[in-house]
N, C-alpha and C. Protein backbone atom coordinates (compact mmCIF):
# COMPACT_ATOMS: atom_id res chain seq x y z
N UNK A 1 84.59 58.97 38.99
CA UNK A 1 84.84 57.55 38.88
C UNK A 1 83.72 56.76 39.52
N UNK A 2 82.67 57.42 39.88
CA UNK A 2 81.58 56.79 40.60
C UNK A 2 80.88 55.71 39.78
N UNK A 3 80.88 55.83 38.45
CA UNK A 3 80.18 54.86 37.62
C UNK A 3 81.12 53.82 37.01
N UNK A 4 82.38 53.85 37.41
CA UNK A 4 83.34 52.86 36.94
C UNK A 4 83.47 51.81 38.03
N UNK A 5 83.47 50.55 37.62
CA UNK A 5 83.57 49.45 38.58
C UNK A 5 84.80 49.63 39.46
N UNK A 6 84.70 49.17 40.70
CA UNK A 6 85.75 49.37 41.70
C UNK A 6 87.11 48.85 41.31
N UNK A 7 87.16 47.66 40.73
CA UNK A 7 88.46 47.08 40.36
C UNK A 7 89.20 47.98 39.38
N UNK A 8 88.49 48.44 38.37
CA UNK A 8 89.09 49.31 37.34
C UNK A 8 89.52 50.63 37.97
N UNK A 9 88.67 51.18 38.82
CA UNK A 9 89.01 52.45 39.49
C UNK A 9 90.30 52.31 40.30
N UNK A 10 90.43 51.21 41.02
CA UNK A 10 91.62 51.01 41.84
C UNK A 10 92.88 50.85 40.99
N UNK A 11 92.76 50.13 39.89
CA UNK A 11 93.90 50.01 38.97
C UNK A 11 94.29 51.38 38.42
N UNK A 12 93.29 52.17 38.04
CA UNK A 12 93.55 53.52 37.52
C UNK A 12 94.19 54.39 38.60
N UNK A 13 93.70 54.29 39.85
CA UNK A 13 94.31 55.04 40.95
C UNK A 13 95.79 54.69 41.08
N UNK A 14 96.11 53.41 40.97
CA UNK A 14 97.51 52.98 41.05
C UNK A 14 98.35 53.57 39.93
N UNK A 15 97.80 53.55 38.72
CA UNK A 15 98.51 54.13 37.56
C UNK A 15 98.71 55.63 37.76
N UNK A 16 97.67 56.32 38.20
CA UNK A 16 97.76 57.77 38.42
C UNK A 16 98.75 58.10 39.55
N UNK A 17 98.80 57.26 40.57
CA UNK A 17 99.75 57.47 41.66
C UNK A 17 101.18 57.29 41.16
N UNK A 18 101.38 56.32 40.28
CA UNK A 18 102.72 56.09 39.71
C UNK A 18 103.17 57.31 38.90
N UNK A 19 102.21 57.93 38.19
CA UNK A 19 102.53 59.12 37.42
C UNK A 19 102.53 60.39 38.25
N UNK A 20 102.39 60.26 39.54
CA UNK A 20 102.38 61.36 40.50
C UNK A 20 101.27 62.38 40.22
N UNK A 21 100.17 61.90 39.66
CA UNK A 21 99.02 62.77 39.43
C UNK A 21 98.11 62.83 40.65
N UNK A 22 98.15 61.78 41.45
CA UNK A 22 97.46 61.75 42.74
C UNK A 22 98.38 61.06 43.73
N UNK A 23 98.11 61.26 44.99
CA UNK A 23 98.91 60.60 46.02
C UNK A 23 98.38 59.20 46.28
N UNK A 24 99.29 58.23 46.40
CA UNK A 24 98.89 56.85 46.64
C UNK A 24 98.12 56.73 47.95
N UNK A 25 98.64 57.33 49.01
CA UNK A 25 98.01 57.18 50.33
C UNK A 25 96.64 57.86 50.38
N UNK A 26 96.49 59.01 49.70
CA UNK A 26 95.19 59.67 49.68
C UNK A 26 94.17 58.83 48.89
N UNK A 27 94.60 58.29 47.76
CA UNK A 27 93.70 57.45 46.96
C UNK A 27 93.34 56.19 47.74
N UNK A 28 94.30 55.63 48.46
CA UNK A 28 94.02 54.44 49.26
C UNK A 28 93.00 54.76 50.35
N UNK A 29 93.16 55.90 51.00
CA UNK A 29 92.22 56.30 52.05
C UNK A 29 90.80 56.43 51.50
N UNK A 30 90.67 57.05 50.34
CA UNK A 30 89.36 57.18 49.69
C UNK A 30 88.79 55.80 49.39
N UNK A 31 89.61 54.92 48.84
CA UNK A 31 89.16 53.56 48.50
C UNK A 31 88.79 52.78 49.76
N UNK A 32 89.54 52.95 50.83
CA UNK A 32 89.26 52.27 52.10
C UNK A 32 87.88 52.66 52.62
N UNK A 33 87.65 53.97 52.71
CA UNK A 33 86.37 54.47 53.22
C UNK A 33 85.22 54.07 52.28
N UNK A 34 85.43 54.18 50.98
CA UNK A 34 84.39 53.83 50.01
C UNK A 34 84.03 52.34 50.10
N UNK A 35 85.01 51.50 50.34
CA UNK A 35 84.75 50.06 50.46
C UNK A 35 83.87 49.77 51.68
N UNK A 36 84.18 50.39 52.78
CA UNK A 36 83.38 50.17 54.00
C UNK A 36 81.97 50.71 53.81
N UNK A 37 81.83 51.89 53.23
CA UNK A 37 80.50 52.46 52.98
C UNK A 37 79.71 51.55 52.05
N UNK A 38 80.34 51.07 50.99
CA UNK A 38 79.70 50.15 50.04
C UNK A 38 79.16 48.92 50.77
N UNK A 39 79.99 48.31 51.60
CA UNK A 39 79.59 47.10 52.30
C UNK A 39 78.43 47.36 53.26
N UNK A 40 78.49 48.46 53.98
CA UNK A 40 77.41 48.79 54.91
C UNK A 40 76.10 49.04 54.16
N UNK A 41 76.17 49.76 53.05
CA UNK A 41 74.95 50.05 52.28
C UNK A 41 74.28 48.79 51.75
N UNK A 42 75.07 47.86 51.23
CA UNK A 42 74.47 46.63 50.71
C UNK A 42 73.98 45.73 51.85
N UNK A 43 74.65 45.74 52.98
CA UNK A 43 74.17 45.01 54.16
C UNK A 43 72.83 45.60 54.62
N UNK A 44 72.76 46.93 54.65
CA UNK A 44 71.50 47.61 55.03
C UNK A 44 70.39 47.29 54.03
N UNK A 45 70.72 47.23 52.75
CA UNK A 45 69.74 46.88 51.73
C UNK A 45 69.15 45.50 52.01
N UNK A 46 69.99 44.55 52.43
CA UNK A 46 69.51 43.22 52.79
C UNK A 46 68.54 43.28 53.95
N UNK A 47 68.83 44.08 54.95
CA UNK A 47 67.90 44.26 56.08
C UNK A 47 66.59 44.87 55.62
N UNK A 48 66.66 45.84 54.73
CA UNK A 48 65.46 46.48 54.20
C UNK A 48 64.61 45.47 53.42
N UNK A 49 65.27 44.63 52.60
CA UNK A 49 64.54 43.61 51.85
C UNK A 49 63.89 42.59 52.78
N UNK A 50 64.57 42.26 53.88
CA UNK A 50 64.01 41.31 54.86
C UNK A 50 62.77 41.89 55.52
N UNK A 51 62.82 43.17 55.90
CA UNK A 51 61.66 43.81 56.54
C UNK A 51 60.44 43.81 55.62
N UNK A 52 60.68 43.95 54.34
CA UNK A 52 59.58 43.98 53.37
C UNK A 52 59.26 42.60 52.81
N UNK A 53 59.95 41.59 53.36
CA UNK A 53 59.74 40.19 52.98
C UNK A 53 59.87 39.96 51.48
N UNK A 54 60.83 40.63 50.89
CA UNK A 54 61.12 40.45 49.47
C UNK A 54 61.88 39.13 49.29
N UNK A 55 61.57 38.43 48.22
CA UNK A 55 62.22 37.13 47.96
C UNK A 55 63.22 37.21 46.82
N UNK A 56 63.21 38.31 46.08
CA UNK A 56 64.12 38.46 44.95
C UNK A 56 64.79 39.83 45.01
N UNK A 57 66.04 39.82 44.56
CA UNK A 57 66.79 41.06 44.36
C UNK A 57 67.34 40.97 42.95
N UNK A 58 66.76 41.74 42.06
CA UNK A 58 67.02 41.64 40.63
C UNK A 58 66.82 40.20 40.20
N UNK A 59 67.85 39.54 39.72
CA UNK A 59 67.69 38.16 39.27
C UNK A 59 68.16 37.15 40.32
N UNK A 60 68.47 37.59 41.51
CA UNK A 60 68.92 36.69 42.57
C UNK A 60 67.74 36.22 43.40
N UNK A 61 67.66 34.93 43.61
CA UNK A 61 66.65 34.34 44.48
C UNK A 61 67.22 34.37 45.90
N UNK A 62 66.72 35.29 46.71
CA UNK A 62 67.28 35.47 48.05
C UNK A 62 67.11 34.24 48.93
N UNK A 63 66.04 33.48 48.75
CA UNK A 63 65.84 32.28 49.56
C UNK A 63 67.02 31.32 49.42
N UNK A 64 67.52 31.16 48.20
CA UNK A 64 68.65 30.25 47.99
C UNK A 64 69.92 30.78 48.66
N UNK A 65 70.20 32.06 48.46
CA UNK A 65 71.41 32.63 49.06
C UNK A 65 71.30 32.67 50.57
N UNK A 66 70.12 33.02 51.07
CA UNK A 66 69.93 33.11 52.51
C UNK A 66 70.07 31.73 53.13
N UNK A 67 69.50 30.71 52.49
CA UNK A 67 69.66 29.35 52.99
C UNK A 67 71.11 28.93 53.05
N UNK A 68 71.84 29.28 52.02
CA UNK A 68 73.28 28.98 51.96
C UNK A 68 74.01 29.69 53.09
N UNK A 69 73.73 30.98 53.26
CA UNK A 69 74.41 31.76 54.28
C UNK A 69 74.05 31.29 55.69
N UNK A 70 72.80 30.86 55.89
CA UNK A 70 72.39 30.33 57.20
C UNK A 70 73.19 29.08 57.54
N UNK A 71 73.35 28.19 56.55
CA UNK A 71 74.08 26.94 56.79
C UNK A 71 75.55 27.19 57.08
N UNK A 72 76.11 28.21 56.48
CA UNK A 72 77.55 28.47 56.61
C UNK A 72 77.83 29.78 57.32
N UNK A 73 77.01 30.09 58.29
CA UNK A 73 77.15 31.34 59.04
C UNK A 73 78.54 31.47 59.67
N UNK A 74 79.15 30.36 60.05
CA UNK A 74 80.46 30.42 60.69
C UNK A 74 81.56 30.88 59.73
N UNK A 75 81.28 30.85 58.43
CA UNK A 75 82.26 31.29 57.43
C UNK A 75 81.97 32.70 56.91
N UNK A 76 81.16 33.44 57.62
CA UNK A 76 80.75 34.78 57.18
C UNK A 76 81.95 35.64 56.80
N UNK A 77 82.95 35.70 57.66
CA UNK A 77 84.11 36.54 57.40
C UNK A 77 84.84 36.14 56.13
N UNK A 78 85.01 34.85 55.93
CA UNK A 78 85.68 34.36 54.73
C UNK A 78 84.89 34.76 53.49
N UNK A 79 83.56 34.62 53.55
CA UNK A 79 82.72 34.98 52.41
C UNK A 79 82.83 36.47 52.09
N UNK A 80 82.82 37.30 53.12
CA UNK A 80 82.91 38.75 52.90
C UNK A 80 84.24 39.10 52.24
N UNK A 81 85.31 38.54 52.75
CA UNK A 81 86.64 38.88 52.22
C UNK A 81 86.83 38.34 50.80
N UNK A 82 86.58 37.05 50.60
CA UNK A 82 86.83 36.45 49.28
C UNK A 82 85.85 36.93 48.22
N UNK A 83 84.62 37.23 48.62
CA UNK A 83 83.64 37.65 47.62
C UNK A 83 83.97 39.00 47.01
N UNK A 84 84.78 39.79 47.68
CA UNK A 84 85.16 41.10 47.14
C UNK A 84 85.95 40.94 45.84
N UNK A 85 86.59 39.79 45.68
CA UNK A 85 87.41 39.56 44.50
C UNK A 85 86.63 38.88 43.38
N UNK A 86 85.36 38.64 43.57
CA UNK A 86 84.50 38.03 42.54
C UNK A 86 83.42 39.06 42.18
N UNK A 87 83.42 39.50 40.94
CA UNK A 87 82.55 40.58 40.51
C UNK A 87 81.10 40.29 40.86
N UNK A 88 80.45 41.23 41.52
CA UNK A 88 79.04 41.23 41.88
C UNK A 88 78.67 40.19 42.93
N UNK A 89 79.54 39.27 43.24
CA UNK A 89 79.24 38.27 44.26
C UNK A 89 79.23 38.92 45.64
N UNK A 90 80.10 39.90 45.83
CA UNK A 90 80.19 40.59 47.10
C UNK A 90 78.86 41.23 47.48
N UNK A 91 78.21 41.80 46.52
CA UNK A 91 76.94 42.49 46.80
C UNK A 91 75.87 41.51 47.29
N UNK A 92 75.74 40.40 46.62
CA UNK A 92 74.71 39.44 47.03
C UNK A 92 75.05 38.80 48.37
N UNK A 93 76.33 38.60 48.65
CA UNK A 93 76.73 38.08 49.97
C UNK A 93 76.34 39.09 51.05
N UNK A 94 76.65 40.35 50.84
CA UNK A 94 76.32 41.38 51.83
C UNK A 94 74.81 41.54 52.00
N UNK A 95 74.07 41.49 50.91
CA UNK A 95 72.61 41.59 50.99
C UNK A 95 72.06 40.39 51.77
N UNK A 96 72.57 39.20 51.48
CA UNK A 96 72.13 37.99 52.20
C UNK A 96 72.43 38.10 53.69
N UNK A 97 73.61 38.63 54.02
CA UNK A 97 73.96 38.79 55.43
C UNK A 97 73.07 39.81 56.13
N UNK A 98 72.70 40.85 55.43
CA UNK A 98 71.73 41.80 55.99
C UNK A 98 70.36 41.16 56.15
N UNK A 99 70.00 40.32 55.21
CA UNK A 99 68.70 39.63 55.21
C UNK A 99 68.58 38.70 56.41
N UNK A 100 69.68 38.02 56.77
CA UNK A 100 69.64 37.09 57.91
C UNK A 100 70.05 37.78 59.22
N UNK A 101 70.14 39.09 59.18
CA UNK A 101 70.40 39.91 60.36
C UNK A 101 71.75 39.62 61.03
N UNK A 102 72.78 39.51 60.22
CA UNK A 102 74.13 39.37 60.75
C UNK A 102 74.47 40.67 61.48
N UNK A 103 75.07 40.57 62.67
CA UNK A 103 75.35 41.77 63.46
C UNK A 103 76.25 42.77 62.71
N UNK A 104 75.97 44.04 62.91
CA UNK A 104 76.70 45.13 62.27
C UNK A 104 78.19 45.07 62.60
N UNK A 105 78.53 44.76 63.84
CA UNK A 105 79.94 44.72 64.25
C UNK A 105 80.72 43.68 63.45
N UNK A 106 80.08 42.55 63.16
CA UNK A 106 80.75 41.50 62.39
C UNK A 106 80.98 41.97 60.96
N UNK A 107 79.98 42.62 60.38
CA UNK A 107 80.11 43.16 59.02
C UNK A 107 81.23 44.19 59.00
N UNK A 108 81.24 45.08 59.97
CA UNK A 108 82.24 46.14 60.02
C UNK A 108 83.65 45.57 60.19
N UNK A 109 83.80 44.56 61.03
CA UNK A 109 85.12 43.95 61.26
C UNK A 109 85.68 43.38 59.96
N UNK A 110 84.89 42.58 59.27
CA UNK A 110 85.40 41.94 58.06
C UNK A 110 85.45 42.91 56.88
N UNK A 111 84.60 43.90 56.90
CA UNK A 111 84.66 44.92 55.87
C UNK A 111 85.95 45.73 55.98
N UNK A 112 86.39 45.98 57.20
CA UNK A 112 87.64 46.72 57.40
C UNK A 112 88.84 45.90 56.87
N UNK A 113 88.82 44.59 57.12
CA UNK A 113 89.89 43.74 56.59
C UNK A 113 89.88 43.78 55.07
N UNK A 114 88.68 43.65 54.51
CA UNK A 114 88.53 43.69 53.06
C UNK A 114 88.98 45.03 52.51
N UNK A 115 88.64 46.11 53.22
CA UNK A 115 89.00 47.45 52.76
C UNK A 115 90.50 47.69 52.81
N UNK A 116 91.22 46.89 53.58
CA UNK A 116 92.68 46.97 53.55
C UNK A 116 93.26 46.14 52.41
N UNK A 117 92.74 44.93 52.23
CA UNK A 117 93.31 44.00 51.25
C UNK A 117 92.99 44.38 49.81
N UNK A 118 91.71 44.61 49.52
CA UNK A 118 91.25 44.79 48.14
C UNK A 118 91.89 46.02 47.48
N UNK A 119 91.78 47.21 48.06
CA UNK A 119 92.43 48.37 47.42
C UNK A 119 93.95 48.23 47.37
N UNK A 120 94.54 47.65 48.42
CA UNK A 120 96.00 47.49 48.42
C UNK A 120 96.45 46.66 47.22
N UNK A 121 95.78 45.55 47.00
CA UNK A 121 96.15 44.66 45.90
C UNK A 121 95.99 45.34 44.54
N UNK A 122 94.82 45.88 44.27
CA UNK A 122 94.55 46.44 42.95
C UNK A 122 95.34 47.73 42.69
N UNK A 123 95.47 48.58 43.70
CA UNK A 123 96.25 49.81 43.50
C UNK A 123 97.72 49.50 43.30
N UNK A 124 98.22 48.50 44.02
CA UNK A 124 99.62 48.12 43.86
C UNK A 124 99.87 47.54 42.47
N UNK A 125 98.95 46.73 41.99
CA UNK A 125 99.09 46.18 40.63
C UNK A 125 99.13 47.33 39.62
N UNK A 126 98.22 48.29 39.74
CA UNK A 126 98.22 49.45 38.84
C UNK A 126 99.51 50.24 38.95
N UNK A 127 100.00 50.42 40.17
CA UNK A 127 101.22 51.18 40.41
C UNK A 127 102.43 50.47 39.80
N UNK A 128 102.53 49.18 40.03
CA UNK A 128 103.70 48.42 39.56
C UNK A 128 103.74 48.35 38.04
N UNK A 129 102.59 48.10 37.44
CA UNK A 129 102.58 47.89 36.00
C UNK A 129 102.41 49.16 35.18
N UNK A 130 102.25 50.30 35.83
CA UNK A 130 102.07 51.55 35.10
C UNK A 130 103.28 51.89 34.23
N UNK A 131 104.47 51.63 34.76
CA UNK A 131 105.66 51.96 33.97
C UNK A 131 106.02 50.86 32.97
N UNK A 132 105.26 49.81 32.95
CA UNK A 132 105.52 48.71 32.02
C UNK A 132 104.64 48.78 30.78
N UNK A 133 103.91 49.85 30.60
CA UNK A 133 102.99 49.95 29.46
C UNK A 133 103.73 49.88 28.13
N UNK A 134 104.94 50.45 28.05
CA UNK A 134 105.72 50.37 26.80
C UNK A 134 106.11 48.93 26.49
N UNK A 135 106.44 48.17 27.52
CA UNK A 135 106.78 46.76 27.31
C UNK A 135 105.56 46.01 26.78
N UNK A 136 104.37 46.34 27.32
CA UNK A 136 103.14 45.69 26.84
C UNK A 136 102.92 45.98 25.36
N UNK A 137 103.20 47.21 24.97
CA UNK A 137 103.01 47.57 23.56
C UNK A 137 103.99 46.82 22.66
N UNK A 138 105.23 46.65 23.12
CA UNK A 138 106.25 45.99 22.32
C UNK A 138 106.06 44.48 22.26
N UNK A 139 105.53 43.89 23.28
CA UNK A 139 105.42 42.43 23.38
C UNK A 139 103.97 42.01 23.54
N UNK A 140 103.15 42.44 22.63
CA UNK A 140 101.72 42.21 22.72
C UNK A 140 101.38 40.72 22.78
N UNK A 141 102.08 39.90 22.01
CA UNK A 141 101.76 38.46 22.00
C UNK A 141 102.08 37.82 23.35
N UNK A 142 103.14 38.23 24.01
CA UNK A 142 103.48 37.69 25.32
C UNK A 142 102.45 38.14 26.35
N UNK A 143 102.04 39.39 26.26
CA UNK A 143 101.02 39.91 27.16
C UNK A 143 99.72 39.14 26.96
N UNK A 144 99.34 38.90 25.70
CA UNK A 144 98.11 38.16 25.41
C UNK A 144 98.19 36.76 25.99
N UNK A 145 99.32 36.09 25.84
CA UNK A 145 99.49 34.76 26.42
C UNK A 145 99.42 34.80 27.94
N UNK A 146 99.98 35.83 28.52
CA UNK A 146 99.91 36.00 29.97
C UNK A 146 98.48 36.18 30.45
N UNK A 147 97.73 36.99 29.72
CA UNK A 147 96.33 37.21 30.09
C UNK A 147 95.55 35.91 29.97
N UNK A 148 95.77 35.16 28.89
CA UNK A 148 95.11 33.87 28.72
C UNK A 148 95.50 32.93 29.86
N UNK A 149 96.77 32.92 30.23
CA UNK A 149 97.22 32.08 31.33
C UNK A 149 96.54 32.42 32.64
N UNK A 150 96.42 33.70 32.92
CA UNK A 150 95.74 34.14 34.15
C UNK A 150 94.27 33.73 34.11
N UNK A 151 93.63 33.91 32.96
CA UNK A 151 92.22 33.52 32.84
C UNK A 151 92.03 32.02 33.03
N UNK A 152 92.92 31.23 32.47
CA UNK A 152 92.84 29.77 32.65
C UNK A 152 93.03 29.43 34.13
N UNK A 153 93.99 30.06 34.78
CA UNK A 153 94.20 29.83 36.21
C UNK A 153 92.94 30.16 37.00
N UNK A 154 92.32 31.30 36.70
CA UNK A 154 91.11 31.71 37.41
C UNK A 154 89.99 30.68 37.19
N UNK A 155 89.83 30.19 35.95
CA UNK A 155 88.79 29.21 35.67
C UNK A 155 89.06 27.90 36.42
N UNK A 156 90.31 27.46 36.46
CA UNK A 156 90.65 26.23 37.17
C UNK A 156 90.42 26.42 38.67
N UNK A 157 90.83 27.56 39.19
CA UNK A 157 90.64 27.85 40.62
C UNK A 157 89.16 27.90 40.96
N UNK A 158 88.36 28.55 40.11
CA UNK A 158 86.92 28.62 40.34
C UNK A 158 86.29 27.22 40.32
N UNK A 159 86.73 26.39 39.41
CA UNK A 159 86.22 25.02 39.34
C UNK A 159 86.57 24.25 40.61
N UNK A 160 87.79 24.44 41.09
CA UNK A 160 88.22 23.79 42.33
C UNK A 160 87.34 24.24 43.50
N UNK A 161 87.12 25.54 43.61
CA UNK A 161 86.28 26.09 44.69
C UNK A 161 84.86 25.55 44.57
N UNK A 162 84.32 25.51 43.35
CA UNK A 162 82.96 24.99 43.14
C UNK A 162 82.86 23.53 43.58
N UNK A 163 83.86 22.72 43.23
CA UNK A 163 83.85 21.31 43.65
C UNK A 163 83.96 21.19 45.17
N UNK A 164 84.77 22.06 45.77
CA UNK A 164 84.91 22.05 47.21
C UNK A 164 83.59 22.40 47.89
N UNK A 165 82.92 23.43 47.39
CA UNK A 165 81.62 23.83 47.94
C UNK A 165 80.60 22.72 47.73
N UNK A 166 80.58 22.11 46.55
CA UNK A 166 79.66 20.99 46.29
C UNK A 166 79.92 19.85 47.25
N UNK A 167 81.18 19.56 47.52
CA UNK A 167 81.53 18.49 48.44
C UNK A 167 81.04 18.81 49.85
N UNK A 168 81.24 20.05 50.26
CA UNK A 168 80.78 20.48 51.59
C UNK A 168 79.27 20.39 51.68
N UNK A 169 78.58 20.84 50.63
CA UNK A 169 77.12 20.82 50.64
C UNK A 169 76.57 19.40 50.64
N UNK A 170 77.26 18.49 50.00
CA UNK A 170 76.75 17.13 49.91
C UNK A 170 77.13 16.27 51.10
N UNK A 171 78.01 16.76 51.98
CA UNK A 171 78.45 15.99 53.14
C UNK A 171 77.66 16.41 54.36
N UNK A 172 76.57 15.71 54.63
CA UNK A 172 75.75 16.01 55.80
C UNK A 172 75.60 14.75 56.63
N UNK A 173 75.72 14.89 57.93
CA UNK A 173 75.52 13.78 58.83
C UNK A 173 74.60 14.25 59.94
N UNK A 174 73.41 13.65 60.06
CA UNK A 174 72.44 13.98 61.09
C UNK A 174 72.16 15.48 61.18
N UNK A 175 72.00 16.10 60.05
CA UNK A 175 71.69 17.53 60.02
C UNK A 175 72.88 18.43 60.30
N UNK A 176 73.99 17.86 60.67
CA UNK A 176 75.20 18.64 60.91
C UNK A 176 76.09 18.55 59.67
N UNK A 177 76.83 19.59 59.43
CA UNK A 177 77.72 19.61 58.28
C UNK A 177 79.10 19.18 58.75
N UNK A 178 79.63 18.22 58.08
CA UNK A 178 80.96 17.73 58.42
C UNK A 178 81.91 18.13 57.30
N UNK A 179 82.98 18.81 57.65
CA UNK A 179 83.97 19.22 56.67
C UNK A 179 85.14 18.27 56.75
N UNK A 180 85.44 17.66 55.62
CA UNK A 180 86.54 16.68 55.59
C UNK A 180 87.81 17.32 55.11
């Protein structure tokens, strides 16, 4: 499962645990450790890029992300935790934090919280809905509407977060950031 994205792997682990093909707690332990290792490796990559004074990581402009992370250093933990739920955003956040030399203990602390929340959520969803697959087959139109509803919710939520971040970025007083 090494080449399958983490979210899908965790859902599959939940489904397999429901079918008693693997143990839920063993799969969770593997996911917990893998999440922490993942976070440390990408944080280390950021440190490596900083030492070599690299300004780009694939298509990401590190100067922009690093500037953002420097301004909002006090929200590091929130960024680490929430970014895990946004595909590929977690990696660039961790790389940026390594680039600005965020202490290892801080990364490890928030990575452990993330490693509890993220696998728990996705494996539980897979576990709960594994026995509902027959219902999905019978009520495909309702499932499709549900998926569309969730996608619309995610888009609205993302728009709200984007406006909130824009508001925070645009609210500066004497070089200090004021959050209203």
